[in-house]
Amino acid sequence: EEIEMTKYNDIGIIKNKHSSFDHIDLKRLRKKYTTW
């Protein structure tokens, strides 16, 4: 993960680019949940 440590004294930030995340499709989980 990309870390930003300079903006605050005691708070760090993880910077995320949208392209760095795989698309997550909850349809399968919802279908399983309903079936259960």
Full PDB file with SEQRES, HELIX, SHEET, SSBOND, CRYST1, ORIGX, SCALE, CONECT and MASTER records, all heavy atoms in Angstrom:
SEQRES   1 A   36  GLU GLU ILE GLU MET THR LYS TYR ASN ASP ILE GLY ILE          
SEQRES   2 A   36  ILE LYS ASN LYS HIS SER SER PHE ASP HIS ILE ASP LEU          
SEQRES   3 A   36  LYS ARG LEU ARG LYS LYS TYR THR THR TRP                      
HELIX    1 AA1 HIS A   18  SER A   20  5                                   3    
HELIX    2 AA2 LYS A   27  THR A   35  1                                   9    
SHEET    1 AA1 2 GLU A   2  GLU A   4  0                                        
SHEET    2 AA1 2 ILE A  13  LYS A  15 -1                                        
CRYST1    1.000    1.000    1.000  90.00  90.00  90.00 P 1           1          
ORIGX1      1.000000  0.000000  0.000000        0.00000                         
ORIGX2      0.000000  1.000000  0.000000        0.00000                         
ORIGX3      0.000000  0.000000  1.000000        0.00000                         
SCALE1      1.000000  0.000000  0.000000        0.00000                         
SCALE2      0.000000  1.000000  0.000000        0.00000                         
SCALE3      0.000000  0.000000  1.000000        0.00000                         
ATOM      1  N   GLU A   1       0.827  -1.205   0.000  1.00  0.00           N  
ATOM      2  CA  GLU A   1       0.000   0.000   0.000  1.00  0.00           C  
ATOM      3  C   GLU A   1       0.863   1.256   0.000  1.00  0.00           C  
ATOM      4  O   GLU A   1       1.925   1.314   0.636  1.00  0.00           O  
ATOM      5  CB  GLU A   1      -0.949  -0.016   1.199  1.00  0.00           C  
ATOM      6  CG  GLU A   1      -2.022  -1.096   1.059  1.00  0.00           C  
ATOM      7  CD  GLU A   1      -2.931  -1.207   2.263  1.00  0.00           C  
ATOM      8  OE1 GLU A   1      -2.436  -1.149   3.407  1.00  0.00           O  
ATOM      9  OE2 GLU A   1      -4.156  -1.396   2.069  1.00  0.00           O  
ATOM     10  N   GLU A   2       0.395   2.275  -0.702  1.00  0.00           N  
ATOM     11  CA  GLU A   2       1.116   3.549  -0.804  1.00  0.00           C  
ATOM     12  C   GLU A   2       0.781   4.421   0.409  1.00  0.00           C  
ATOM     13  O   GLU A   2      -0.381   4.696   0.683  1.00  0.00           O  
ATOM     14  CB  GLU A   2       0.717   4.272  -2.093  1.00  0.00           C  
ATOM     15  CG  GLU A   2       1.383   5.619  -2.285  1.00  0.00           C  
ATOM     16  CD  GLU A   2       0.874   6.355  -3.502  1.00  0.00           C  
ATOM     17  OE1 GLU A   2       0.330   5.693  -4.413  1.00  0.00           O  
ATOM     18  OE2 GLU A   2       0.996   7.598  -3.538  1.00  0.00           O  
ATOM     19  N   ILE A   3       1.819   4.874   1.102  1.00  0.00           N  
ATOM     20  CA  ILE A   3       1.629   5.567   2.373  1.00  0.00           C  
ATOM     21  C   ILE A   3       2.045   7.032   2.259  1.00  0.00           C  
ATOM     22  O   ILE A   3       3.102   7.356   1.701  1.00  0.00           O  
ATOM     23  CB  ILE A   3       2.453   4.891   3.498  1.00  0.00           C  
ATOM     24  CG1 ILE A   3       2.164   3.389   3.552  1.00  0.00           C  
ATOM     25  CG2 ILE A   3       2.167   5.548   4.835  1.00  0.00           C  
ATOM     26  CD1 ILE A   3       0.733   3.040   3.781  1.00  0.00           C  
ATOM     27  N   GLU A   4       1.221   7.928   2.792  1.00  0.00           N  
ATOM     28  CA  GLU A   4       1.531   9.357   2.910  1.00  0.00           C  
ATOM     29  C   GLU A   4       1.712   9.681   4.397  1.00  0.00           C  
ATOM     30  O   GLU A   4       0.791   9.492   5.191  1.00  0.00           O  
ATOM     31  CB  GLU A   4       0.384  10.180   2.322  1.00  0.00           C  
ATOM     32  CG  GLU A   4       0.328  11.634   2.745  1.00  0.00           C  
ATOM     33  CD  GLU A   4       1.574  12.412   2.365  1.00  0.00           C  
ATOM     34  OE1 GLU A   4       1.916  12.419   1.160  1.00  0.00           O  
ATOM     35  OE2 GLU A   4       2.198  12.985   3.280  1.00  0.00           O  
ATOM     36  N   MET A   5       2.895  10.153   4.768  1.00  0.00           N  
ATOM     37  CA  MET A   5       3.201  10.356   6.186  1.00  0.00           C  
ATOM     38  C   MET A   5       3.555  11.805   6.523  1.00  0.00           C  
ATOM     39  O   MET A   5       3.988  12.087   7.639  1.00  0.00           O  
ATOM     40  CB  MET A   5       4.378   9.454   6.592  1.00  0.00           C  
ATOM     41  CG  MET A   5       4.128   7.966   6.389  1.00  0.00           C  
ATOM     42  SD  MET A   5       2.908   7.297   7.534  1.00  0.00           S  
ATOM     43  CE  MET A   5       3.974   6.763   8.866  1.00  0.00           C  
ATOM     44  N   THR A   6       3.351  12.744   5.602  1.00  0.00           N  
ATOM     45  CA  THR A   6       3.829  14.106   5.831  1.00  0.00           C  
ATOM     46  C   THR A   6       2.728  15.126   6.118  1.00  0.00           C  
ATOM     47  O   THR A   6       3.008  16.216   6.603  1.00  0.00           O  
ATOM     48  CB  THR A   6       4.638  14.593   4.608  1.00  0.00           C  
ATOM     49  OG1 THR A   6       3.799  14.572   3.442  1.00  0.00           O  
ATOM     50  CG2 THR A   6       5.849  13.698   4.368  1.00  0.00           C  
ATOM     51  N   LYS A   7       1.474  14.805   5.837  1.00  0.00           N  
ATOM     52  CA  LYS A   7       0.412  15.805   5.976  1.00  0.00           C  
ATOM     53  C   LYS A   7       0.125  16.137   7.434  1.00  0.00           C  
ATOM     54  O   LYS A   7      -0.135  17.299   7.778  1.00  0.00           O  
ATOM     55  CB  LYS A   7      -0.864  15.301   5.299  1.00  0.00           C  
ATOM     56  CG  LYS A   7      -2.000  16.325   5.326  1.00  0.00           C  
ATOM     57  CD  LYS A   7      -3.201  15.858   4.514  1.00  0.00           C  
ATOM     58  CE  LYS A   7      -4.307  16.913   4.539  1.00  0.00           C  
ATOM     59  NZ  LYS A   7      -5.474  16.518   3.697  1.00  0.00           N  
ATOM     60  N   TYR A   8       0.172  15.126   8.304  1.00  0.00           N  
ATOM     61  CA  TYR A   8      -0.158  15.316   9.718  1.00  0.00           C  
ATOM     62  C   TYR A   8       1.011  14.912  10.602  1.00  0.00           C  
ATOM     63  O   TYR A   8       1.930  14.208  10.175  1.00  0.00           O  
ATOM     64  CB  TYR A   8      -1.378  14.471  10.097  1.00  0.00           C  
ATOM     65  CG  TYR A   8      -2.618  14.748   9.290  1.00  0.00           C  
ATOM     66  CD1 TYR A   8      -3.036  13.851   8.310  1.00  0.00           C  
ATOM     67  CD2 TYR A   8      -3.379  15.891   9.510  1.00  0.00           C  
ATOM     68  CE1 TYR A   8      -4.185  14.089   7.572  1.00  0.00           C  
ATOM     69  CE2 TYR A   8      -4.526  16.144   8.782  1.00  0.00           C  
ATOM     70  CZ  TYR A   8      -4.926  15.237   7.809  1.00  0.00           C  
ATOM     71  OH  TYR A   8      -6.062  15.478   7.079  1.00  0.00           O  
ATOM     72  N   ASN A   9       0.938  15.351  11.851  1.00  0.00           N  
ATOM     73  CA  ASN A   9       1.964  14.979  12.817  1.00  0.00           C  
ATOM     74  C   ASN A   9       1.851  13.525  13.248  1.00  0.00           C  
ATOM     75  O   ASN A   9       2.851  12.808  13.334  1.00  0.00           O  
ATOM     76  CB  ASN A   9       1.863  15.878  14.053  1.00  0.00           C  
ATOM     77  CG  ASN A   9       2.195  17.317  13.766  1.00  0.00           C  
ATOM     78  OD1 ASN A   9       3.331  17.660  13.467  1.00  0.00           O  
ATOM     79  ND2 ASN A   9       1.197  18.189  13.854  1.00  0.00           N  
ATOM     80  N   ASP A  10       0.609  13.090  13.534  1.00  0.00           N  
ATOM     81  CA  ASP A  10       0.412  11.764  14.126  1.00  0.00           C  
ATOM     82  C   ASP A  10      -0.633  10.923  13.405  1.00  0.00           C  
ATOM     83  O   ASP A  10      -1.146   9.959  13.959  1.00  0.00           O  
ATOM     84  CB  ASP A  10       0.029  11.921  15.603  1.00  0.00           C  
ATOM     85  CG  ASP A  10       1.178  12.473  16.433  1.00  0.00           C  
ATOM     86  OD1 ASP A  10       2.191  11.765  16.574  1.00  0.00           O  
ATOM     87  OD2 ASP A  10       1.071  13.620  16.908  1.00  0.00           O  
ATOM     88  N   ILE A  11      -0.944  11.282  12.175  1.00  0.00           N  
ATOM     89  CA  ILE A  11      -1.883  10.516  11.357  1.00  0.00           C  
ATOM     90  C   ILE A  11      -1.221  10.190  10.031  1.00  0.00           C  
ATOM     91  O   ILE A  11      -0.637  11.064   9.377  1.00  0.00           O  
ATOM     92  CB  ILE A  11      -3.181  11.314  11.091  1.00  0.00           C  
ATOM     93  CG1 ILE A  11      -3.892  11.632  12.411  1.00  0.00           C  
ATOM     94  CG2 ILE A  11      -4.114  10.538  10.160  1.00  0.00           C  
ATOM     95  CD1 ILE A  11      -5.082  12.565  12.255  1.00  0.00           C  
ATOM     96  N   GLY A  12      -1.295   8.930   9.633  1.00  0.00           N  
ATOM     97  CA  GLY A  12      -0.826   8.509   8.324  1.00  0.00           C  
ATOM     98  C   GLY A  12      -2.004   8.273   7.397  1.00  0.00           C  
ATOM     99  O   GLY A  12      -3.149   8.133   7.847  1.00  0.00           O  
ATOM    100  N   ILE A  13      -1.736   8.228   6.096  1.00  0.00           N  
ATOM    101  CA  ILE A  13      -2.795   8.039   5.105  1.00  0.00           C  
ATOM    102  C   ILE A  13      -2.352   6.985   4.092  1.00  0.00           C  
ATOM    103  O   ILE A  13      -1.236   7.042   3.575  1.00  0.00           O  
ATOM    104  CB  ILE A  13      -3.120   9.343   4.341  1.00  0.00           C  
ATOM    105  CG1 ILE A  13      -3.370  10.500   5.305  1.00  0.00           C  
ATOM    106  CG2 ILE A  13      -4.321   9.140   3.425  1.00  0.00           C  
ATOM    107  CD1 ILE A  13      -3.483  11.853   4.613  1.00  0.00           C  
ATOM    108  N   ILE A  14      -3.223   6.031   3.832  1.00  0.00           N  
ATOM    109  CA  ILE A  14      -3.026   5.095   2.728  1.00  0.00           C  
ATOM    110  C   ILE A  14      -3.725   5.694   1.519  1.00  0.00           C  
ATOM    111  O   ILE A  14      -4.920   5.987   1.555  1.00  0.00           O  
ATOM    112  CB  ILE A  14      -3.614   3.709   3.048  1.00  0.00           C  
ATOM    113  CG1 ILE A  14      -2.962   3.135   4.312  1.00  0.00           C  
ATOM    114  CG2 ILE A  14      -3.440   2.752   1.868  1.00  0.00           C  
ATOM    115  CD1 ILE A  14      -3.676   1.920   4.869  1.00  0.00           C  
ATOM    116  N   LYS A  15      -2.969   5.915   0.447  1.00  0.00           N  
ATOM    117  CA  LYS A  15      -3.514   6.503  -0.776  1.00  0.00           C  
ATOM    118  C   LYS A  15      -3.844   5.372  -1.754  1.00  0.00           C  
ATOM    119  O   LYS A  15      -3.007   4.516  -2.021  1.00  0.00           O  
ATOM    120  CB  LYS A  15      -2.515   7.474  -1.410  1.00  0.00           C  
ATOM    121  CG  LYS A  15      -1.986   8.547  -0.464  1.00  0.00           C  
ATOM    122  CD  LYS A  15      -3.078   9.491  -0.008  1.00  0.00           C  
ATOM    123  CE  LYS A  15      -3.585  10.390  -1.114  1.00  0.00           C  
ATOM    124  NZ  LYS A  15      -4.524  11.429  -0.600  1.00  0.00           N  
ATOM    125  N   ASN A  16      -5.047   5.380  -2.262  1.00  0.00           N  
ATOM    126  CA  ASN A  16      -5.484   4.318  -3.170  1.00  0.00           C  
ATOM    127  C   ASN A  16      -5.897   4.891  -4.516  1.00  0.00           C  
ATOM    128  O   ASN A  16      -6.675   5.844  -4.580  1.00  0.00           O  
ATOM    129  CB  ASN A  16      -6.683   3.576  -2.564  1.00  0.00           C  
ATOM    130  CG  ASN A  16      -6.301   2.739  -1.365  1.00  0.00           C  
ATOM    131  OD1 ASN A  16      -5.629   1.730  -1.489  1.00  0.00           O  
ATOM    132  ND2 ASN A  16      -6.722   3.174  -0.181  1.00  0.00           N  
ATOM    133  N   LYS A  17      -5.382   4.301  -5.554  1.00  0.00           N  
ATOM    134  CA  LYS A  17      -5.833   4.628  -6.900  1.00  0.00           C  
ATOM    135  C   LYS A  17      -6.940   3.646  -7.276  1.00  0.00           C  
ATOM    136  O   LYS A  17      -6.857   2.464  -6.959  1.00  0.00           O  
ATOM    137  CB  LYS A  17      -4.676   4.514  -7.892  1.00  0.00           C  
ATOM    138  CG  LYS A  17      -3.519   5.465  -7.599  1.00  0.00           C  
ATOM    139  CD  LYS A  17      -2.360   5.215  -8.546  1.00  0.00           C  
ATOM    140  CE  LYS A  17      -1.174   6.126  -8.216  1.00  0.00           C  
ATOM    141  NZ  LYS A  17       0.000   5.833  -9.088  1.00  0.00           N  
ATOM    142  N   HIS A  18      -7.954   4.136  -7.958  1.00  0.00           N  
ATOM    143  CA  HIS A  18      -9.081   3.254  -8.299  1.00  0.00           C  
ATOM    144  C   HIS A  18      -8.616   2.062  -9.115  1.00  0.00           C  
ATOM    145  O   HIS A  18      -9.095   0.939  -8.957  1.00  0.00           O  
ATOM    146  CB  HIS A  18     -10.147   4.035  -9.063  1.00  0.00           C  
ATOM    147  CG  HIS A  18     -11.388   3.237  -9.328  1.00  0.00           C  
ATOM    148  ND1 HIS A  18     -11.580   2.545 -10.501  1.00  0.00           N  
ATOM    149  CD2 HIS A  18     -12.480   2.995  -8.562  1.00  0.00           C  
ATOM    150  CE1 HIS A  18     -12.751   1.917 -10.449  1.00  0.00           C  
ATOM    151  NE2 HIS A  18     -13.311   2.182  -9.292  1.00  0.00           N  
ATOM    152  N   SER A  19      -7.633   2.287  -9.977  1.00  0.00           N  
ATOM    153  CA  SER A  19      -7.153   1.213 -10.859  1.00  0.00           C  
ATOM    154  C   SER A  19      -6.420   0.121 -10.095  1.00  0.00           C  
ATOM    155  O   SER A  19      -6.205  -0.971 -10.617  1.00  0.00           O  
ATOM    156  CB  SER A  19      -6.229   1.801 -11.933  1.00  0.00           C  
ATOM    157  OG  SER A  19      -5.129   2.465 -11.333  1.00  0.00           O  
ATOM    158  N   SER A  20      -6.028   0.416  -8.829  1.00  0.00           N  
ATOM    159  CA  SER A  20      -5.275  -0.577  -8.063  1.00  0.00           C  
ATOM    160  C   SER A  20      -6.181  -1.623  -7.422  1.00  0.00           C  
ATOM    161  O   SER A  20      -5.698  -2.584  -6.840  1.00  0.00           O  
ATOM    162  CB  SER A  20      -4.453   0.132  -6.972  1.00  0.00           C  
ATOM    163  OG  SER A  20      -5.294   0.704  -5.991  1.00  0.00           O  
ATOM    164  N   PHE A  21      -7.496  -1.449  -7.547  1.00  0.00           N  
ATOM    165  CA  PHE A  21      -8.440  -2.380  -6.953  1.00  0.00           C  
ATOM    166  C   PHE A  21      -9.180  -3.166  -8.027  1.00  0.00           C  
ATOM    167  O   PHE A  21      -9.702  -2.599  -8.977  1.00  0.00           O  
ATOM    168  CB  PHE A  21      -9.468  -1.635  -6.081  1.00  0.00           C  
ATOM    169  CG  PHE A  21      -9.001  -1.426  -4.676  1.00  0.00           C  
ATOM    170  CD1 PHE A  21      -8.109  -0.414  -4.382  1.00  0.00           C  
ATOM    171  CD2 PHE A  21      -9.415  -2.259  -3.653  1.00  0.00           C  
ATOM    172  CE1 PHE A  21      -7.656  -0.224  -3.089  1.00  0.00           C  
ATOM    173  CE2 PHE A  21      -8.976  -2.078  -2.354  1.00  0.00           C  
ATOM    174  CZ  PHE A  21      -8.088  -1.060  -2.070  1.00  0.00           C  
ATOM    175  N   ASP A  22      -9.194  -4.482  -7.859  1.00  0.00           N  
ATOM    176  CA  ASP A  22      -9.999  -5.307  -8.746  1.00  0.00           C  
ATOM    177  C   ASP A  22     -11.474  -5.015  -8.505  1.00  0.00           C  
ATOM    178  O   ASP A  22     -11.892  -4.755  -7.381  1.00  0.00           O  
ATOM    179  CB  ASP A  22      -9.724  -6.796  -8.498  1.00  0.00           C  
ATOM    180  CG  ASP A  22      -8.290  -7.181  -8.835  1.00  0.00           C  
ATOM    181  OD1 ASP A  22      -7.717  -6.551  -9.737  1.00  0.00           O  
ATOM    182  OD2 ASP A  22      -7.764  -8.104  -8.184  1.00  0.00           O  
ATOM    183  N   HIS A  23     -12.256  -5.073  -9.566  1.00  0.00           N  
ATOM    184  CA  HIS A  23     -13.697  -4.872  -9.402  1.00  0.00           C  
ATOM    185  C   HIS A  23     -14.272  -6.004  -8.551  1.00  0.00           C  
ATOM    186  O   HIS A  23     -13.967  -7.172  -8.761  1.00  0.00           O  
ATOM    187  CB  HIS A  23     -14.391  -4.850 -10.766  1.00  0.00           C  
ATOM    188  CG  HIS A  23     -15.877  -4.729 -10.662  1.00  0.00           C  
ATOM    189  ND1 HIS A  23     -16.495  -3.575 -10.236  1.00  0.00           N  
ATOM    190  CD2 HIS A  23     -16.874  -5.630 -10.888  1.00  0.00           C  
ATOM    191  CE1 HIS A  23     -17.806  -3.765 -10.229  1.00  0.00           C  
ATOM    192  NE2 HIS A  23     -18.058  -4.991 -10.617  1.00  0.00           N  
ATOM    193  N   ILE A  24     -15.063  -5.635  -7.571  1.00  0.00           N  
ATOM    194  CA  ILE A  24     -15.670  -6.643  -6.704  1.00  0.00           C  
ATOM    195  C   ILE A  24     -17.166  -6.688  -6.976  1.00  0.00           C  
ATOM    196  O   ILE A  24     -17.865  -5.682  -6.859  1.00  0.00           O  
ATOM    197  CB  ILE A  24     -15.366  -6.361  -5.220  1.00  0.00           C  
ATOM    198  CG1 ILE A  24     -15.917  -7.493  -4.348  1.00  0.00           C  
ATOM    199  CG2 ILE A  24     -15.881  -5.006  -4.752  1.00  0.00           C  
ATOM    200  CD1 ILE A  24     -15.368  -7.490  -2.940  1.00  0.00           C  
ATOM    201  N   ASP A  25     -17.629  -7.830  -7.397  1.00  0.00           N  
ATOM    202  CA  ASP A  25     -19.034  -8.023  -7.735  1.00  0.00           C  
ATOM    203  C   ASP A  25     -19.699  -8.801  -6.598  1.00  0.00           C  
ATOM    204  O   ASP A  25     -19.371  -9.959  -6.351  1.00  0.00           O  
ATOM    205  CB  ASP A  25     -19.152  -8.793  -9.053  1.00  0.00           C  
ATOM    206  CG  ASP A  25     -20.587  -8.873  -9.550  1.00  0.00           C  
ATOM    207  OD1 ASP A  25     -21.496  -8.465  -8.806  1.00  0.00           O  
ATOM    208  OD2 ASP A  25     -20.798  -9.348 -10.682  1.00  0.00           O  
ATOM    209  N   LEU A  26     -20.637  -8.146  -5.920  1.00  0.00           N  
ATOM    210  CA  LEU A  26     -21.291  -8.775  -4.773  1.00  0.00           C  
ATOM    211  C   LEU A  26     -22.474  -9.661  -5.173  1.00  0.00           C  
ATOM    212  O   LEU A  26     -23.124 -10.251  -4.300  1.00  0.00           O  
ATOM    213  CB  LEU A  26     -21.774  -7.701  -3.791  1.00  0.00           C  
ATOM    214  CG  LEU A  26     -20.683  -6.868  -3.103  1.00  0.00           C  
ATOM    215  CD1 LEU A  26     -21.331  -5.828  -2.185  1.00  0.00           C  
ATOM    216  CD2 LEU A  26     -19.730  -7.750  -2.305  1.00  0.00           C  
ATOM    217  N   LYS A  27     -22.765  -9.770  -6.474  1.00  0.00           N  
ATOM    218  CA  LYS A  27     -23.936 -10.547  -6.910  1.00  0.00           C  
ATOM    219  C   LYS A  27     -23.837 -11.995  -6.445  1.00  0.00           C  
ATOM    220  O   LYS A  27     -24.815 -12.580  -5.991  1.00  0.00           O  
ATOM    221  CB  LYS A  27     -24.080 -10.484  -8.429  1.00  0.00           C  
ATOM    222  CG  LYS A  27     -24.515  -9.125  -8.954  1.00  0.00           C  
ATOM    223  CD  LYS A  27     -24.629  -9.142 -10.467  1.00  0.00           C  
ATOM    224  CE  LYS A  27     -25.024  -7.767 -10.993  1.00  0.00           C  
ATOM    225  NZ  LYS A  27     -25.064  -7.759 -12.484  1.00  0.00           N  
ATOM    226  N   ARG A  28     -22.657 -12.587  -6.587  1.00  0.00           N  
ATOM    227  CA  ARG A  28     -22.481 -13.983  -6.190  1.00  0.00           C  
ATOM    228  C   ARG A  28     -22.714 -14.146  -4.683  1.00  0.00           C  
ATOM    229  O   ARG A  28     -23.414 -15.068  -4.246  1.00  0.00           O  
ATOM    230  CB  ARG A  28     -21.079 -14.462  -6.568  1.00  0.00           C  
ATOM    231  CG  ARG A  28     -20.710 -15.803  -5.929  1.00  0.00           C  
ATOM    232  CD  ARG A  28     -19.357 -16.293  -6.364  1.00  0.00           C  
ATOM    233  NE  ARG A  28     -18.873 -17.323  -5.445  1.00  0.00           N  
ATOM    234  CZ  ARG A  28     -18.028 -18.288  -5.777  1.00  0.00           C  
ATOM    235  NH1 ARG A  28     -17.574 -18.355  -7.006  1.00  0.00           N  
ATOM    236  NH2 ARG A  28     -17.633 -19.168  -4.880  1.00  0.00           N  
ATOM    237  N   LEU A  29     -22.136 -13.225  -3.881  1.00  0.00           N  
ATOM    238  CA  LEU A  29     -22.296 -13.304  -2.425  1.00  0.00           C  
ATOM    239  C   LEU A  29     -23.751 -13.096  -2.028  1.00  0.00           C  
ATOM    240  O   LEU A  29     -24.264 -13.785  -1.143  1.00  0.00           O  
ATOM    241  CB  LEU A  29     -21.398 -12.271  -1.746  1.00  0.00           C  
ATOM    242  CG  LEU A  29     -21.359 -12.294  -0.210  1.00  0.00           C  
ATOM    243  CD1 LEU A  29     -20.937 -13.662   0.310  1.00  0.00           C  
ATOM    244  CD2 LEU A  29     -20.417 -11.210   0.323  1.00  0.00           C  
ATOM    245  N   ARG A  30     -24.432 -12.166  -2.681  1.00  0.00           N  
ATOM    246  CA  ARG A  30     -25.853 -11.932  -2.381  1.00  0.00           C  
ATOM    247  C   ARG A  30     -26.694 -13.164  -2.720  1.00  0.00           C  
ATOM    248  O   ARG A  30     -27.616 -13.530  -1.981  1.00  0.00           O  
ATOM    249  CB  ARG A  30     -26.360 -10.722  -3.162  1.00  0.00           C  
ATOM    250  CG  ARG A  30     -25.795  -9.388  -2.708  1.00  0.00           C  
ATOM    251  CD  ARG A  30     -26.451  -8.242  -3.472  1.00  0.00           C  
ATOM    252  NE  ARG A  30     -25.787  -6.987  -3.241  1.00  0.00           N  
ATOM    253  CZ  ARG A  30     -25.981  -6.202  -2.186  1.00  0.00           C  
ATOM    254  NH1 ARG A  30     -26.842  -6.593  -1.250  1.00  0.00           N  
ATOM    255  NH2 ARG A  30     -25.331  -5.065  -2.052  1.00  0.00           N  
ATOM    256  N   LYS A  31     -26.373 -13.804  -3.840  1.00  0.00           N  
ATOM    257  CA  LYS A  31     -27.117 -14.994  -4.251  1.00  0.00           C  
ATOM    258  C   LYS A  31     -26.927 -16.122  -3.237  1.00  0.00           C  
ATOM    259  O   LYS A  31     -27.889 -16.799  -2.844  1.00  0.00           O  
ATOM    260  CB  LYS A  31     -26.669 -15.441  -5.646  1.00  0.00           C  
ATOM    261  CG  LYS A  31     -27.477 -16.597  -6.214  1.00  0.00           C  
ATOM    262  CD  LYS A  31     -27.043 -16.922  -7.634  1.00  0.00           C  
ATOM    263  CE  LYS A  31     -27.854 -18.089  -8.190  1.00  0.00           C  
ATOM    264  NZ  LYS A  31     -27.442 -18.429  -9.579  1.00  0.00           N  
ATOM    265  N   LYS A  32     -25.677 -16.330  -2.821  1.00  0.00           N  
ATOM    266  CA  LYS A  32     -25.389 -17.353  -1.813  1.00  0.00           C  
ATOM    267  C   LYS A  32     -26.113 -17.034  -0.502  1.00  0.00           C  
ATOM    268  O   LYS A  32     -26.701 -17.923   0.138  1.00  0.00           O  
ATOM    269  CB  LYS A  32     -23.883 -17.425  -1.561  1.00  0.00           C  
ATOM    270  CG  LYS A  32     -23.084 -18.051  -2.692  1.00  0.00           C  
ATOM    271  CD  LYS A  32     -23.020 -19.557  -2.532  1.00  0.00           C  
ATOM    272  CE  LYS A  32     -22.026 -20.170  -3.502  1.00  0.00           C  
ATOM    273  NZ  LYS A  32     -21.921 -21.629  -3.335  1.00  0.00           N  
ATOM    274  N   TYR A  33     -26.052 -15.781  -0.103  1.00  0.00           N  
ATOM    275  CA  TYR A  33     -26.688 -15.325   1.139  1.00  0.00           C  
ATOM    276  C   TYR A  33     -28.186 -15.619   1.113  1.00  0.00           C  
ATOM    277  O   TYR A  33     -28.748 -16.158   2.070  1.00  0.00           O  
ATOM    278  CB  TYR A  33     -26.415 -13.827   1.289  1.00  0.00           C  
ATOM    279  CG  TYR A  33     -27.068 -13.139   2.465  1.00  0.00           C  
ATOM    280  CD1 TYR A  33     -26.459 -13.116   3.704  1.00  0.00           C  
ATOM    281  CD2 TYR A  33     -28.284 -12.484   2.315  1.00  0.00           C  
ATOM    282  CE1 TYR A  33     -27.044 -12.458   4.784  1.00  0.00           C  
ATOM    283  CE2 TYR A  33     -28.880 -11.822   3.374  1.00  0.00           C  
ATOM    284  CZ  TYR A  33     -28.252 -11.817   4.607  1.00  0.00           C  
ATOM    285  OH  TYR A  33     -28.847 -11.161   5.656  1.00  0.00           O  
ATOM    286  N   THR A  34     -28.825 -15.282   0.002  1.00  0.00           N  
ATOM    287  CA  THR A  34     -30.268 -15.528  -0.141  1.00  0.00           C  
ATOM    288  C   THR A  34     -30.573 -17.017  -0.100  1.00  0.00           C  
ATOM    289  O   THR A  34     -31.539 -17.457   0.546  1.00  0.00           O  
ATOM    290  CB  THR A  34     -30.781 -14.923  -1.458  1.00  0.00           C  
ATOM    291  OG1 THR A  34     -30.519 -13.518  -1.454  1.00  0.00           O  
ATOM    292  CG2 THR A  34     -32.270 -15.149  -1.609  1.00  0.00           C  
ATOM    293  N   THR A  35     -29.759 -17.812  -0.769  1.00  0.00           N  
ATOM    294  CA  THR A  35     -29.958 -19.268  -0.784  1.00  0.00           C  
ATOM    295  C   THR A  35     -29.837 -19.846   0.616  1.00  0.00           C  
ATOM    296  O   THR A  35     -30.646 -20.688   1.031  1.00  0.00           O  
ATOM    297  CB  THR A  35     -28.931 -19.936  -1.720  1.00  0.00           C  
ATOM    298  OG1 THR A  35     -29.093 -19.428  -3.047  1.00  0.00           O  
ATOM    299  CG2 THR A  35     -29.118 -21.446  -1.739  1.00  0.00           C  
ATOM    300  N   TRP A  36     -28.821 -19.400   1.357  1.00  0.00           N  
ATOM    301  CA  TRP A  36     -28.636 -19.885   2.727  1.00  0.00           C  
ATOM    302  C   TRP A  36     -29.853 -19.557   3.589  1.00  0.00           C  
ATOM    303  O   TRP A  36     -30.320 -20.392   4.365  1.00  0.00           O  
ATOM    304  CB  TRP A  36     -27.386 -19.273   3.342  1.00  0.00           C  
ATOM    305  CG  TRP A  36     -26.098 -19.830   2.825  1.00  0.00           C  
ATOM    306  CD1 TRP A  36     -25.850 -21.121   2.449  1.00  0.00           C  
ATOM    307  CD2 TRP A  36     -24.878 -19.124   2.612  1.00  0.00           C  
ATOM    308  NE1 TRP A  36     -24.552 -21.259   2.029  1.00  0.00           N  
ATOM    309  CE2 TRP A  36     -23.928 -20.042   2.120  1.00  0.00           C  
ATOM    310  CE3 TRP A  36     -24.477 -17.805   2.802  1.00  0.00           C  
ATOM    311  CZ2 TRP A  36     -22.615 -19.679   1.811  1.00  0.00           C  
ATOM    312  CZ3 TRP A  36     -23.171 -17.436   2.500  1.00  0.00           C  
ATOM    313  CH2 TRP A  36     -22.258 -18.372   2.009  1.00  0.00           C  
TER     314      TRP A  36                                                      
MASTER        0    0    0    2    2    0    0    6  313    1    0    3          
END                                                                             
